[in-house]
Full PDB file with SEQRES, HELIX, SHEET, SSBOND, CRYST1, ORIGX, SCALE, CONECT and MASTER records, all heavy atoms in Angstrom:
SEQRES   1 A   42  ASP VAL LEU PHE PHE CYS VAL ASP GLY LEU PRO GLY PHE          
SEQRES   2 A   42  LYS GLU ALA ILE GLN ALA VAL TYR PRO GLN ALA GLN ILE          
SEQRES   3 A   42  GLN ARG CYS VAL ILE HIS MET LEU ARG ASN SER PHE GLN          
SEQRES   4 A   42  TYR VAL ASN                                                  
HELIX    1 AA1 PHE A   13  VAL A   20  1                                   8    
HELIX    2 AA2 VAL A   30  PHE A   38  1                                   9    
SHEET    1 AA1 2 PHE A   4  VAL A   7  0                                        
SHEET    2 AA1 2 GLN A  25  ARG A  28  1                                        
CRYST1    1.000    1.000    1.000  90.00  90.00  90.00 P 1           1          
ORIGX1      1.000000  0.000000  0.000000        0.00000                         
ORIGX2      0.000000  1.000000  0.000000        0.00000                         
ORIGX3      0.000000  0.000000  1.000000        0.00000                         
SCALE1      1.000000  0.000000  0.000000        0.00000                         
SCALE2      0.000000  1.000000  0.000000        0.00000                         
SCALE3      0.000000  0.000000  1.000000        0.00000                         
ATOM      1  N   ASP A   1      25.293   8.057 -46.218  1.00  0.00           N  
ATOM      2  CA  ASP A   1      24.004   7.376 -46.289  1.00  0.00           C  
ATOM      3  C   ASP A   1      23.213   7.853 -47.493  1.00  0.00           C  
ATOM      4  O   ASP A   1      23.349   9.001 -47.940  1.00  0.00           O  
ATOM      5  CB  ASP A   1      23.197   7.634 -45.010  1.00  0.00           C  
ATOM      6  CG  ASP A   1      22.122   6.575 -44.764  1.00  0.00           C  
ATOM      7  OD1 ASP A   1      21.980   5.662 -45.614  1.00  0.00           O  
ATOM      8  OD2 ASP A   1      21.435   6.666 -43.728  1.00  0.00           O  
ATOM      9  N   VAL A   2      22.400   6.950 -48.030  1.00  0.00           N  
ATOM     10  CA  VAL A   2      21.443   7.240 -49.096  1.00  0.00           C  
ATOM     11  C   VAL A   2      20.123   6.594 -48.676  1.00  0.00           C  
ATOM     12  O   VAL A   2      20.098   5.425 -48.286  1.00  0.00           O  
ATOM     13  CB  VAL A   2      21.906   6.671 -50.458  1.00  0.00           C  
ATOM     14  CG1 VAL A   2      20.823   6.884 -51.512  1.00  0.00           C  
ATOM     15  CG2 VAL A   2      23.219   7.307 -50.900  1.00  0.00           C  
ATOM     16  N   LEU A   3      19.034   7.362 -48.748  1.00  0.00           N  
ATOM     17  CA  LEU A   3      17.738   6.806 -48.337  1.00  0.00           C  
ATOM     18  C   LEU A   3      17.140   5.921 -49.423  1.00  0.00           C  
ATOM     19  O   LEU A   3      16.675   4.815 -49.152  1.00  0.00           O  
ATOM     20  CB  LEU A   3      16.765   7.942 -47.989  1.00  0.00           C  
ATOM     21  CG  LEU A   3      17.220   8.921 -46.898  1.00  0.00           C  
ATOM     22  CD1 LEU A   3      16.105   9.919 -46.594  1.00  0.00           C  
ATOM     23  CD2 LEU A   3      17.640   8.180 -45.632  1.00  0.00           C  
ATOM     24  N   PHE A   4      17.159   6.414 -50.671  1.00  0.00           N  
ATOM     25  CA  PHE A   4      16.561   5.674 -51.782  1.00  0.00           C  
ATOM     26  C   PHE A   4      17.498   5.631 -52.983  1.00  0.00           C  
ATOM     27  O   PHE A   4      18.046   6.669 -53.374  1.00  0.00           O  
ATOM     28  CB  PHE A   4      15.247   6.324 -52.235  1.00  0.00           C  
ATOM     29  CG  PHE A   4      14.190   6.429 -51.187  1.00  0.00           C  
ATOM     30  CD1 PHE A   4      14.011   7.610 -50.499  1.00  0.00           C  
ATOM     31  CD2 PHE A   4      13.380   5.355 -50.882  1.00  0.00           C  
ATOM     32  CE1 PHE A   4      13.031   7.734 -49.531  1.00  0.00           C  
ATOM     33  CE2 PHE A   4      12.398   5.454 -49.911  1.00  0.00           C  
ATOM     34  CZ  PHE A   4      12.229   6.650 -49.225  1.00  0.00           C  
ATOM     35  N   PHE A   5      17.665   4.449 -53.541  1.00  0.00           N  
ATOM     36  CA  PHE A   5      18.315   4.300 -54.837  1.00  0.00           C  
ATOM     37  C   PHE A   5      17.231   4.001 -55.857  1.00  0.00           C  
ATOM     38  O   PHE A   5      16.461   3.037 -55.695  1.00  0.00           O  
ATOM     39  CB  PHE A   5      19.338   3.165 -54.827  1.00  0.00           C  
ATOM     40  CG  PHE A   5      20.657   3.544 -54.241  1.00  0.00           C  
ATOM     41  CD1 PHE A   5      20.938   3.258 -52.909  1.00  0.00           C  
ATOM     42  CD2 PHE A   5      21.624   4.181 -54.994  1.00  0.00           C  
ATOM     43  CE1 PHE A   5      22.156   3.613 -52.350  1.00  0.00           C  
ATOM     44  CE2 PHE A   5      22.845   4.536 -54.443  1.00  0.00           C  
ATOM     45  CZ  PHE A   5      23.111   4.250 -53.116  1.00  0.00           C  
ATOM     46  N   CYS A   6      17.150   4.813 -56.901  1.00  0.00           N  
ATOM     47  CA  CYS A   6      16.152   4.638 -57.952  1.00  0.00           C  
ATOM     48  C   CYS A   6      16.883   4.188 -59.212  1.00  0.00           C  
ATOM     49  O   CYS A   6      17.718   4.931 -59.739  1.00  0.00           O  
ATOM     50  CB  CYS A   6      15.396   5.939 -58.189  1.00  0.00           C  
ATOM     51  SG  CYS A   6      14.733   6.658 -56.656  1.00  0.00           S  
ATOM     52  N   VAL A   7      16.572   2.965 -59.668  1.00  0.00           N  
ATOM     53  CA  VAL A   7      17.384   2.344 -60.709  1.00  0.00           C  
ATOM     54  C   VAL A   7      16.517   1.600 -61.713  1.00  0.00           C  
ATOM     55  O   VAL A   7      15.350   1.311 -61.459  1.00  0.00           O  
ATOM     56  CB  VAL A   7      18.393   1.350 -60.098  1.00  0.00           C  
ATOM     57  CG1 VAL A   7      19.332   2.065 -59.143  1.00  0.00           C  
ATOM     58  CG2 VAL A   7      17.669   0.211 -59.367  1.00  0.00           C  
ATOM     59  N   ASP A   8      17.116   1.304 -62.845  1.00  0.00           N  
ATOM     60  CA  ASP A   8      16.507   0.392 -63.804  1.00  0.00           C  
ATOM     61  C   ASP A   8      16.963  -1.018 -63.423  1.00  0.00           C  
ATOM     62  O   ASP A   8      17.850  -1.202 -62.601  1.00  0.00           O  
ATOM     63  CB  ASP A   8      16.946   0.755 -65.223  1.00  0.00           C  
ATOM     64  CG  ASP A   8      16.187  -0.041 -66.275  1.00  0.00           C  
ATOM     65  OD1 ASP A   8      15.182  -0.674 -65.920  1.00  0.00           O  
ATOM     66  OD2 ASP A   8      16.616  -0.019 -67.439  1.00  0.00           O  
ATOM     67  N   GLY A   9      16.364  -2.009 -64.036  1.00  0.00           N  
ATOM     68  CA  GLY A   9      16.725  -3.378 -63.714  1.00  0.00           C  
ATOM     69  C   GLY A   9      18.111  -3.740 -64.224  1.00  0.00           C  
ATOM     70  O   GLY A   9      18.468  -3.453 -65.354  1.00  0.00           O  
ATOM     71  N   LEU A  10      18.911  -4.354 -63.362  1.00  0.00           N  
ATOM     72  CA  LEU A  10      20.235  -4.832 -63.734  1.00  0.00           C  
ATOM     73  C   LEU A  10      20.595  -5.982 -62.822  1.00  0.00           C  
ATOM     74  O   LEU A  10      20.550  -5.824 -61.598  1.00  0.00           O  
ATOM     75  CB  LEU A  10      21.278  -3.721 -63.601  1.00  0.00           C  
ATOM     76  CG  LEU A  10      22.749  -4.150 -63.737  1.00  0.00           C  
ATOM     77  CD1 LEU A  10      23.029  -4.548 -65.177  1.00  0.00           C  
ATOM     78  CD2 LEU A  10      23.690  -3.046 -63.293  1.00  0.00           C  
ATOM     79  N   PRO A  11      20.923  -7.132 -63.353  1.00  0.00           N  
ATOM     80  CA  PRO A  11      21.314  -8.260 -62.495  1.00  0.00           C  
ATOM     81  C   PRO A  11      22.490  -7.873 -61.603  1.00  0.00           C  
ATOM     82  O   PRO A  11      23.500  -7.352 -62.077  1.00  0.00           O  
ATOM     83  CB  PRO A  11      21.705  -9.343 -63.506  1.00  0.00           C  
ATOM     84  CG  PRO A  11      20.976  -8.995 -64.767  1.00  0.00           C  
ATOM     85  CD  PRO A  11      20.922  -7.501 -64.786  1.00  0.00           C  
ATOM     86  N   GLY A  12      22.356  -8.094 -60.312  1.00  0.00           N  
ATOM     87  CA  GLY A  12      23.428  -7.793 -59.383  1.00  0.00           C  
ATOM     88  C   GLY A  12      23.405  -6.376 -58.851  1.00  0.00           C  
ATOM     89  O   GLY A  12      24.178  -6.031 -57.945  1.00  0.00           O  
ATOM     90  N   PHE A  13      22.526  -5.524 -59.409  1.00  0.00           N  
ATOM     91  CA  PHE A  13      22.431  -4.139 -58.964  1.00  0.00           C  
ATOM     92  C   PHE A  13      22.054  -4.074 -57.483  1.00  0.00           C  
ATOM     93  O   PHE A  13      22.660  -3.359 -56.693  1.00  0.00           O  
ATOM     94  CB  PHE A  13      21.361  -3.413 -59.784  1.00  0.00           C  
ATOM     95  CG  PHE A  13      21.722  -1.986 -60.107  1.00  0.00           C  
ATOM     96  CD1 PHE A  13      21.179  -1.367 -61.229  1.00  0.00           C  
ATOM     97  CD2 PHE A  13      22.583  -1.255 -59.313  1.00  0.00           C  
ATOM     98  CE1 PHE A  13      21.501  -0.066 -61.544  1.00  0.00           C  
ATOM     99  CE2 PHE A  13      22.899   0.056 -59.608  1.00  0.00           C  
ATOM    100  CZ  PHE A  13      22.355   0.647 -60.723  1.00  0.00           C  
ATOM    101  N   LYS A  14      21.039  -4.837 -57.127  1.00  0.00           N  
ATOM    102  CA  LYS A  14      20.541  -4.843 -55.750  1.00  0.00           C  
ATOM    103  C   LYS A  14      21.639  -5.275 -54.784  1.00  0.00           C  
ATOM    104  O   LYS A  14      21.845  -4.663 -53.727  1.00  0.00           O  
ATOM    105  CB  LYS A  14      19.336  -5.775 -55.652  1.00  0.00           C  
ATOM    106  CG  LYS A  14      18.711  -5.850 -54.271  1.00  0.00           C  
ATOM    107  CD  LYS A  14      17.502  -6.763 -54.300  1.00  0.00           C  
ATOM    108  CE  LYS A  14      16.854  -6.886 -52.928  1.00  0.00           C  
ATOM    109  NZ  LYS A  14      15.677  -7.775 -52.962  1.00  0.00           N  
ATOM    110  N   GLU A  15      22.371  -6.320 -55.147  1.00  0.00           N  
ATOM    111  CA  GLU A  15      23.441  -6.832 -54.281  1.00  0.00           C  
ATOM    112  C   GLU A  15      24.551  -5.796 -54.110  1.00  0.00           C  
ATOM    113  O   GLU A  15      25.109  -5.640 -53.015  1.00  0.00           O  
ATOM    114  CB  GLU A  15      24.013  -8.122 -54.861  1.00  0.00           C  
ATOM    115  CG  GLU A  15      23.077  -9.326 -54.803  1.00  0.00           C  
ATOM    116  CD  GLU A  15      21.952  -9.272 -55.823  1.00  0.00           C  
ATOM    117  OE1 GLU A  15      22.054  -8.466 -56.782  1.00  0.00           O  
ATOM    118  OE2 GLU A  15      20.974 -10.026 -55.667  1.00  0.00           O  
ATOM    119  N   ALA A  16      24.871  -5.077 -55.196  1.00  0.00           N  
ATOM    120  CA  ALA A  16      25.918  -4.055 -55.124  1.00  0.00           C  
ATOM    121  C   ALA A  16      25.512  -2.935 -54.174  1.00  0.00           C  
ATOM    122  O   ALA A  16      26.315  -2.473 -53.354  1.00  0.00           O  
ATOM    123  CB  ALA A  16      26.195  -3.492 -56.524  1.00  0.00           C  
ATOM    124  N   ILE A  17      24.262  -2.494 -54.261  1.00  0.00           N  
ATOM    125  CA  ILE A  17      23.775  -1.425 -53.383  1.00  0.00           C  
ATOM    126  C   ILE A  17      23.762  -1.883 -51.931  1.00  0.00           C  
ATOM    127  O   ILE A  17      24.235  -1.177 -51.025  1.00  0.00           O  
ATOM    128  CB  ILE A  17      22.364  -0.966 -53.815  1.00  0.00           C  
ATOM    129  CG1 ILE A  17      22.439  -0.256 -55.174  1.00  0.00           C  
ATOM    130  CG2 ILE A  17      21.755  -0.033 -52.762  1.00  0.00           C  
ATOM    131  CD1 ILE A  17      21.086   0.046 -55.792  1.00  0.00           C  
ATOM    132  N   GLN A  18      23.250  -3.073 -51.698  1.00  0.00           N  
ATOM    133  CA  GLN A  18      23.148  -3.566 -50.321  1.00  0.00           C  
ATOM    134  C   GLN A  18      24.516  -3.801 -49.687  1.00  0.00           C  
ATOM    135  O   GLN A  18      24.661  -3.714 -48.462  1.00  0.00           O  
ATOM    136  CB  GLN A  18      22.314  -4.850 -50.295  1.00  0.00           C  
ATOM    137  CG  GLN A  18      20.835  -4.605 -50.558  1.00  0.00           C  
ATOM    138  CD  GLN A  18      20.020  -5.880 -50.588  1.00  0.00           C  
ATOM    139  OE1 GLN A  18      20.552  -6.970 -50.831  1.00  0.00           O  
ATOM    140  NE2 GLN A  18      18.722  -5.756 -50.348  1.00  0.00           N  
ATOM    141  N   ALA A  19      25.505  -4.084 -50.516  1.00  0.00           N  
ATOM    142  CA  ALA A  19      26.855  -4.310 -49.982  1.00  0.00           C  
ATOM    143  C   ALA A  19      27.482  -3.023 -49.465  1.00  0.00           C  
ATOM    144  O   ALA A  19      28.289  -3.051 -48.530  1.00  0.00           O  
ATOM    145  CB  ALA A  19      27.741  -4.928 -51.065  1.00  0.00           C  
ATOM    146  N   VAL A  20      27.124  -1.888 -50.055  1.00  0.00           N  
ATOM    147  CA  VAL A  20      27.738  -0.613 -49.681  1.00  0.00           C  
ATOM    148  C   VAL A  20      26.814   0.224 -48.797  1.00  0.00           C  
ATOM    149  O   VAL A  20      27.253   0.838 -47.822  1.00  0.00           O  
ATOM    150  CB  VAL A  20      28.137   0.193 -50.943  1.00  0.00           C  
ATOM    151  CG1 VAL A  20      28.841   1.489 -50.552  1.00  0.00           C  
ATOM    152  CG2 VAL A  20      29.044  -0.638 -51.849  1.00  0.00           C  
ATOM    153  N   TYR A  21      25.515   0.236 -49.116  1.00  0.00           N  
ATOM    154  CA  TYR A  21      24.528   1.003 -48.348  1.00  0.00           C  
ATOM    155  C   TYR A  21      23.383   0.070 -47.932  1.00  0.00           C  
ATOM    156  O   TYR A  21      22.300   0.097 -48.532  1.00  0.00           O  
ATOM    157  CB  TYR A  21      24.001   2.176 -49.170  1.00  0.00           C  
ATOM    158  CG  TYR A  21      25.047   3.228 -49.464  1.00  0.00           C  
ATOM    159  CD1 TYR A  21      25.664   3.291 -50.706  1.00  0.00           C  
ATOM    160  CD2 TYR A  21      25.437   4.147 -48.484  1.00  0.00           C  
ATOM    161  CE1 TYR A  21      26.645   4.254 -50.973  1.00  0.00           C  
ATOM    162  CE2 TYR A  21      26.410   5.102 -48.743  1.00  0.00           C  
ATOM    163  CZ  TYR A  21      27.017   5.151 -49.995  1.00  0.00           C  
ATOM    164  OH  TYR A  21      27.989   6.093 -50.248  1.00  0.00           O  
ATOM    165  N   PRO A  22      23.618  -0.771 -46.940  1.00  0.00           N  
ATOM    166  CA  PRO A  22      22.636  -1.814 -46.582  1.00  0.00           C  
ATOM    167  C   PRO A  22      21.298  -1.276 -46.100  1.00  0.00           C  
ATOM    168  O   PRO A  22      20.281  -1.976 -46.188  1.00  0.00           O  
ATOM    169  CB  PRO A  22      23.347  -2.603 -45.474  1.00  0.00           C  
ATOM    170  CG  PRO A  22      24.409  -1.685 -44.945  1.00  0.00           C  
ATOM    171  CD  PRO A  22      24.830  -0.846 -46.106  1.00  0.00           C  
ATOM    172  N   GLN A  23      21.244  -0.045 -45.587  1.00  0.00           N  
ATOM    173  CA  GLN A  23      19.979   0.504 -45.091  1.00  0.00           C  
ATOM    174  C   GLN A  23      19.143   1.161 -46.186  1.00  0.00           C  
ATOM    175  O   GLN A  23      17.964   1.466 -45.968  1.00  0.00           O  
ATOM    176  CB  GLN A  23      20.253   1.543 -44.002  1.00  0.00           C  
ATOM    177  CG  GLN A  23      20.737   0.954 -42.676  1.00  0.00           C  
ATOM    178  CD  GLN A  23      20.867   2.036 -41.624  1.00  0.00           C  
ATOM    179  OE1 GLN A  23      21.768   2.872 -41.666  1.00  0.00           O  
ATOM    180  NE2 GLN A  23      19.942   2.036 -40.670  1.00  0.00           N  
ATOM    181  N   ALA A  24      19.727   1.388 -47.341  1.00  0.00           N  
ATOM    182  CA  ALA A  24      19.024   2.105 -48.407  1.00  0.00           C  
ATOM    183  C   ALA A  24      17.890   1.268 -48.984  1.00  0.00           C  
ATOM    184  O   ALA A  24      17.995   0.041 -49.089  1.00  0.00           O  
ATOM    185  CB  ALA A  24      20.001   2.480 -49.518  1.00  0.00           C  
ATOM    186  N   GLN A  25      16.807   1.927 -49.355  1.00  0.00           N  
ATOM    187  CA  GLN A  25      15.704   1.263 -50.052  1.00  0.00           C  
ATOM    188  C   GLN A  25      15.940   1.362 -51.550  1.00  0.00           C  
ATOM    189  O   GLN A  25      16.447   2.377 -52.046  1.00  0.00           O  
ATOM    190  CB  GLN A  25      14.363   1.899 -49.684  1.00  0.00           C  
ATOM    191  CG  GLN A  25      14.002   1.716 -48.217  1.00  0.00           C  
ATOM    192  CD  GLN A  25      12.519   1.897 -47.970  1.00  0.00           C  
ATOM    193  OE1 GLN A  25      11.697   1.524 -48.804  1.00  0.00           O  
ATOM    194  NE2 GLN A  25      12.179   2.445 -46.825  1.00  0.00           N  
ATOM    195  N   ILE A  26      15.568   0.308 -52.252  1.00  0.00           N  
ATOM    196  CA  ILE A  26      15.776   0.254 -53.700  1.00  0.00           C  
ATOM    197  C   ILE A  26      14.425   0.330 -54.399  1.00  0.00           C  
ATOM    198  O   ILE A  26      13.493  -0.407 -54.062  1.00  0.00           O  
ATOM    199  CB  ILE A  26      16.501  -1.049 -54.103  1.00  0.00           C  
ATOM    200  CG1 ILE A  26      17.875  -1.113 -53.430  1.00  0.00           C  
ATOM    201  CG2 ILE A  26      16.643  -1.132 -55.624  1.00  0.00           C  
ATOM    202  CD1 ILE A  26      18.563  -2.447 -53.566  1.00  0.00           C  
ATOM    203  N   GLN A  27      14.326   1.231 -55.363  1.00  0.00           N  
ATOM    204  CA  GLN A  27      13.092   1.382 -56.119  1.00  0.00           C  
ATOM    205  C   GLN A  27      13.365   1.169 -57.599  1.00  0.00           C  
ATOM    206  O   GLN A  27      14.102   1.931 -58.219  1.00  0.00           O  
ATOM    207  CB  GLN A  27      12.502   2.780 -55.906  1.00  0.00           C  
ATOM    208  CG  GLN A  27      11.282   3.083 -56.755  1.00  0.00           C  
ATOM    209  CD  GLN A  27      10.105   2.199 -56.401  1.00  0.00           C  
ATOM    210  OE1 GLN A  27       9.729   2.105 -55.244  1.00  0.00           O  
ATOM    211  NE2 GLN A  27       9.524   1.531 -57.395  1.00  0.00           N  
ATOM    212  N   ARG A  28      12.810   0.101 -58.129  1.00  0.00           N  
ATOM    213  CA  ARG A  28      12.898  -0.131 -59.573  1.00  0.00           C  
ATOM    214  C   ARG A  28      12.002   0.872 -60.279  1.00  0.00           C  
ATOM    215  O   ARG A  28      10.911   1.209 -59.825  1.00  0.00           O  
ATOM    216  CB  ARG A  28      12.451  -1.554 -59.913  1.00  0.00           C  
ATOM    217  CG  ARG A  28      13.473  -2.633 -59.625  1.00  0.00           C  
ATOM    218  CD  ARG A  28      14.538  -2.717 -60.705  1.00  0.00           C  
ATOM    219  NE  ARG A  28      13.982  -3.085 -62.000  1.00  0.00           N  
ATOM    220  CZ  ARG A  28      13.791  -4.349 -62.397  1.00  0.00           C  
ATOM    221  NH1 ARG A  28      14.094  -5.364 -61.603  1.00  0.00           N  
ATOM    222  NH2 ARG A  28      13.296  -4.611 -63.580  1.00  0.00           N  
ATOM    223  N   CYS A  29      12.450   1.356 -61.414  1.00  0.00           N  
ATOM    224  CA  CYS A  29      11.687   2.337 -62.180  1.00  0.00           C  
ATOM    225  C   CYS A  29      10.391   1.715 -62.706  1.00  0.00           C  
ATOM    226  O   CYS A  29      10.418   0.741 -63.475  1.00  0.00           O  
ATOM    227  CB  CYS A  29      12.529   2.855 -63.346  1.00  0.00           C  
ATOM    228  SG  CYS A  29      11.644   3.988 -64.438  1.00  0.00           S  
ATOM    229  N   VAL A  30       9.263   2.265 -62.283  1.00  0.00           N  
ATOM    230  CA  VAL A  30       7.950   1.750 -62.687  1.00  0.00           C  
ATOM    231  C   VAL A  30       7.741   1.920 -64.190  1.00  0.00           C  
ATOM    232  O   VAL A  30       7.171   1.041 -64.851  1.00  0.00           O  
ATOM    233  CB  VAL A  30       6.832   2.463 -61.898  1.00  0.00           C  
ATOM    234  CG1 VAL A  30       5.456   2.097 -62.430  1.00  0.00           C  
ATOM    235  CG2 VAL A  30       6.933   2.122 -60.418  1.00  0.00           C  
ATOM    236  N   ILE A  31       8.208   3.032 -64.732  1.00  0.00           N  
ATOM    237  CA  ILE A  31       8.045   3.280 -66.171  1.00  0.00           C  
ATOM    238  C   ILE A  31       8.780   2.213 -66.987  1.00  0.00           C  
ATOM    239  O   ILE A  31       8.258   1.683 -67.980  1.00  0.00           O  
ATOM    240  CB  ILE A  31       8.552   4.688 -66.549  1.00  0.00           C  
ATOM    241  CG1 ILE A  31       7.811   5.766 -65.753  1.00  0.00           C  
ATOM    242  CG2 ILE A  31       8.414   4.925 -68.045  1.00  0.00           C  
ATOM    243  CD1 ILE A  31       6.324   5.779 -65.959  1.00  0.00           C  
ATOM    244  N   HIS A  32      10.000   1.864 -66.553  1.00  0.00           N  
ATOM    245  CA  HIS A  32      10.738   0.806 -67.248  1.00  0.00           C  
ATOM    246  C   HIS A  32      10.026  -0.533 -67.118  1.00  0.00           C  
ATOM    247  O   HIS A  32      10.009  -1.335 -68.066  1.00  0.00           O  
ATOM    248  CB  HIS A  32      12.158   0.698 -66.679  1.00  0.00           C  
ATOM    249  CG  HIS A  32      13.113   1.664 -67.288  1.00  0.00           C  
ATOM    250  ND1 HIS A  32      13.427   2.854 -66.701  1.00  0.00           N  
ATOM    251  CD2 HIS A  32      13.820   1.622 -68.451  1.00  0.00           C  
ATOM    252  CE1 HIS A  32      14.290   3.511 -67.464  1.00  0.00           C  
ATOM    253  NE2 HIS A  32      14.540   2.794 -68.521  1.00  0.00           N  
ATOM    254  N   MET A  33       9.477  -0.789 -65.955  1.00  0.00           N  
ATOM    255  CA  MET A  33       8.731  -2.036 -65.756  1.00  0.00           C  
ATOM    256  C   MET A  33       7.541  -2.115 -66.710  1.00  0.00           C  
ATOM    257  O   MET A  33       7.265  -3.169 -67.306  1.00  0.00           O  
ATOM    258  CB  MET A  33       8.264  -2.128 -64.307  1.00  0.00           C  
ATOM    259  CG  MET A  33       9.371  -2.346 -63.291  1.00  0.00           C  
ATOM    260  SD  MET A  33      10.098  -4.000 -63.396  1.00  0.00           S  
ATOM    261  CE  MET A  33       8.696  -5.002 -62.891  1.00  0.00           C  
ATOM    262  N   LEU A  34       6.840  -1.007 -66.860  1.00  0.00           N  
ATOM    263  CA  LEU A  34       5.702  -0.977 -67.783  1.00  0.00           C  
ATOM    264  C   LEU A  34       6.160  -1.215 -69.219  1.00  0.00           C  
ATOM    265  O   LEU A  34       5.543  -1.999 -69.956  1.00  0.00           O  
ATOM    266  CB  LEU A  34       4.987   0.367 -67.683  1.00  0.00           C  
ATOM    267  CG  LEU A  34       4.161   0.615 -66.415  1.00  0.00           C  
ATOM    268  CD1 LEU A  34       3.715   2.064 -66.336  1.00  0.00           C  
ATOM    269  CD2 LEU A  34       2.953  -0.319 -66.375  1.00  0.00           C  
ATOM    270  N   ARG A  35       7.237  -0.574 -69.611  1.00  0.00           N  
ATOM    271  CA  ARG A  35       7.745  -0.761 -70.975  1.00  0.00           C  
ATOM    272  C   ARG A  35       8.141  -2.216 -71.215  1.00  0.00           C  
ATOM    273  O   ARG A  35       7.896  -2.764 -72.300  1.00  0.00           O  
ATOM    274  CB  ARG A  35       8.949   0.149 -71.219  1.00  0.00           C  
ATOM    275  CG  ARG A  35       8.625   1.624 -71.294  1.00  0.00           C  
ATOM    276  CD  ARG A  35       9.892   2.444 -71.383  1.00  0.00           C  
ATOM    277  NE  ARG A  35       9.641   3.882 -71.336  1.00  0.00           N  
ATOM    278  CZ  ARG A  35      10.556   4.800 -71.072  1.00  0.00           C  
ATOM    279  NH1 ARG A  35      11.816   4.418 -70.841  1.00  0.00           N  
ATOM    280  NH2 ARG A  35      10.251   6.077 -71.047  1.00  0.00           N  
ATOM    281  N   ASN A  36       8.765  -2.817 -70.217  1.00  0.00           N  
ATOM    282  CA  ASN A  36       9.147  -4.225 -70.351  1.00  0.00           C  
ATOM    283  C   ASN A  36       7.924  -5.111 -70.518  1.00  0.00           C  
ATOM    284  O   ASN A  36       7.939  -6.087 -71.291  1.00  0.00           O  
ATOM    285  CB  ASN A  36       9.950  -4.675 -69.122  1.00  0.00           C  
ATOM    286  CG  ASN A  36      11.320  -4.026 -69.064  1.00  0.00           C  
ATOM    287  OD1 ASN A  36      11.839  -3.568 -70.075  1.00  0.00           O  
ATOM    288  ND2 ASN A  36      11.910  -3.987 -67.876  1.00  0.00           N  
ATOM    289  N   SER A  37       6.867  -4.798 -69.789  1.00  0.00           N  
ATOM    290  CA  SER A  37       5.635  -5.587 -69.903  1.00  0.00           C  
ATOM    291  C   SER A  37       4.960  -5.358 -71.243  1.00  0.00           C  
ATOM    292  O   SER A  37       4.447  -6.299 -71.863  1.00  0.00           O  
ATOM    293  CB  SER A  37       4.663  -5.225 -68.769  1.00  0.00           C  
ATOM    294  OG  SER A  37       5.174  -5.614 -67.519  1.00  0.00           O  
ATOM    295  N   PHE A  38       4.945  -4.121 -71.713  1.00  0.00           N  
ATOM    296  CA  PHE A  38       4.249  -3.787 -72.953  1.00  0.00           C  
ATOM    297  C   PHE A  38       4.840  -4.489 -74.163  1.00  0.00           C  
ATOM    298  O   PHE A  38       4.138  -4.729 -75.152  1.00  0.00           O  
ATOM    299  CB  PHE A  38       4.283  -2.271 -73.182  1.00  0.00           C  
ATOM    300  CG  PHE A  38       3.449  -1.477 -72.205  1.00  0.00           C  
ATOM    301  CD1 PHE A  38       3.611  -0.102 -72.095  1.00  0.00           C  
ATOM    302  CD2 PHE A  38       2.503  -2.101 -71.407  1.00  0.00           C  
ATOM    303  CE1 PHE A  38       2.850   0.630 -71.194  1.00  0.00           C  
ATOM    304  CE2 PHE A  38       1.728  -1.377 -70.496  1.00  0.00           C  
ATOM    305  CZ  PHE A  38       1.912  -0.009 -70.393  1.00  0.00           C  
ATOM    306  N   GLN A  39       6.121  -4.841 -74.118  1.00  0.00           N  
ATOM    307  CA  GLN A  39       6.725  -5.495 -75.275  1.00  0.00           C  
ATOM    308  C   GLN A  39       6.183  -6.912 -75.497  1.00  0.00           C  
ATOM    309  O   GLN A  39       6.365  -7.488 -76.567  1.00  0.00           O  
ATOM    310  CB  GLN A  39       8.242  -5.524 -75.137  1.00  0.00           C  
ATOM    311  CG  GLN A  39       8.779  -6.374 -74.006  1.00  0.00           C  
ATOM    312  CD  GLN A  39      10.292  -6.316 -73.909  1.00  0.00           C  
ATOM    313  OE1 GLN A  39      10.954  -5.885 -74.851  1.00  0.00           O  
ATOM    314  NE2 GLN A  39      10.847  -6.741 -72.781  1.00  0.00           N  
ATOM    315  N   TYR A  40       5.510  -7.458 -74.476  1.00  0.00           N  
ATOM    316  CA  TYR A  40       4.902  -8.787 -74.619  1.00  0.00           C  
ATOM    317  C   TYR A  40       3.435  -8.707 -75.035  1.00  0.00           C  
ATOM    318  O   TYR A  40       2.783  -9.737 -75.213  1.00  0.00           O  
ATOM    319  CB  TYR A  40       4.993  -9.557 -73.292  1.00  0.00           C  
ATOM    320  CG  TYR A  40       6.400  -9.821 -72.835  1.00  0.00           C  
ATOM    321  CD1 TYR A  40       6.928  -9.136 -71.739  1.00  0.00           C  
ATOM    322  CD2 TYR A  40       7.210 -10.734 -73.501  1.00  0.00           C  
ATOM    323  CE1 TYR A  40       8.225  -9.369 -71.307  1.00  0.00           C  
ATOM    324  CE2 TYR A  40       8.515 -10.970 -73.072  1.00  0.00           C  
ATOM    325  CZ  TYR A  40       9.012 -10.285 -71.983  1.00  0.00           C  
ATOM    326  OH  TYR A  40      10.301 -10.516 -71.549  1.00  0.00           O  
ATOM    327  N   VAL A  41       2.897  -7.485 -75.150  1.00  0.00           N  
ATOM    328  CA  VAL A  41       1.468  -7.306 -75.404  1.00  0.00           C  
ATOM    329  C   VAL A  41       1.239  -6.901 -76.856  1.00  0.00           C  
ATOM    330  O   VAL A  41       1.927  -6.017 -77.381  1.00  0.00           O  
ATOM    331  CB  VAL A  41       0.885  -6.232 -74.452  1.00  0.00           C  
ATOM    332  CG1 VAL A  41      -0.604  -6.018 -74.729  1.00  0.00           C  
ATOM    333  CG2 VAL A  41       1.101  -6.639 -72.995  1.00  0.00           C  
ATOM    334  N   ASN A  42       0.259  -7.539 -77.482  1.00  0.00           N  
ATOM    335  CA  ASN A  42      -0.099  -7.209 -78.856  1.00  0.00           C  
ATOM    336  C   ASN A  42      -0.591  -5.767 -78.931  1.00  0.00           C  
ATOM    337  O   ASN A  42      -1.269  -5.283 -78.029  1.00  0.00           O  
ATOM    338  CB  ASN A  42      -1.200  -8.158 -79.347  1.00  0.00           C  
ATOM    339  CG  ASN A  42      -1.443  -8.021 -80.836  1.00  0.00           C  
ATOM    340  OD1 ASN A  42      -1.964  -7.012 -81.298  1.00  0.00           O  
ATOM    341  ND2 ASN A  42      -1.070  -9.050 -81.584  1.00  0.00           N  
TER     342      ASN A  42                                                      
MASTER        0    0    0    2    2    0    0    6  341    1    0    4          
END                                                                             
């Protein structure tokens, strides 16, 4: 068992985790999310 998977964004990542560890919670990296948003900001 794994309680939390902490990952960056990747298509299909969530499905892969849920297929093997369906009870685990998935946490996208907030810092990466911010960086992704900042690239659209002047």
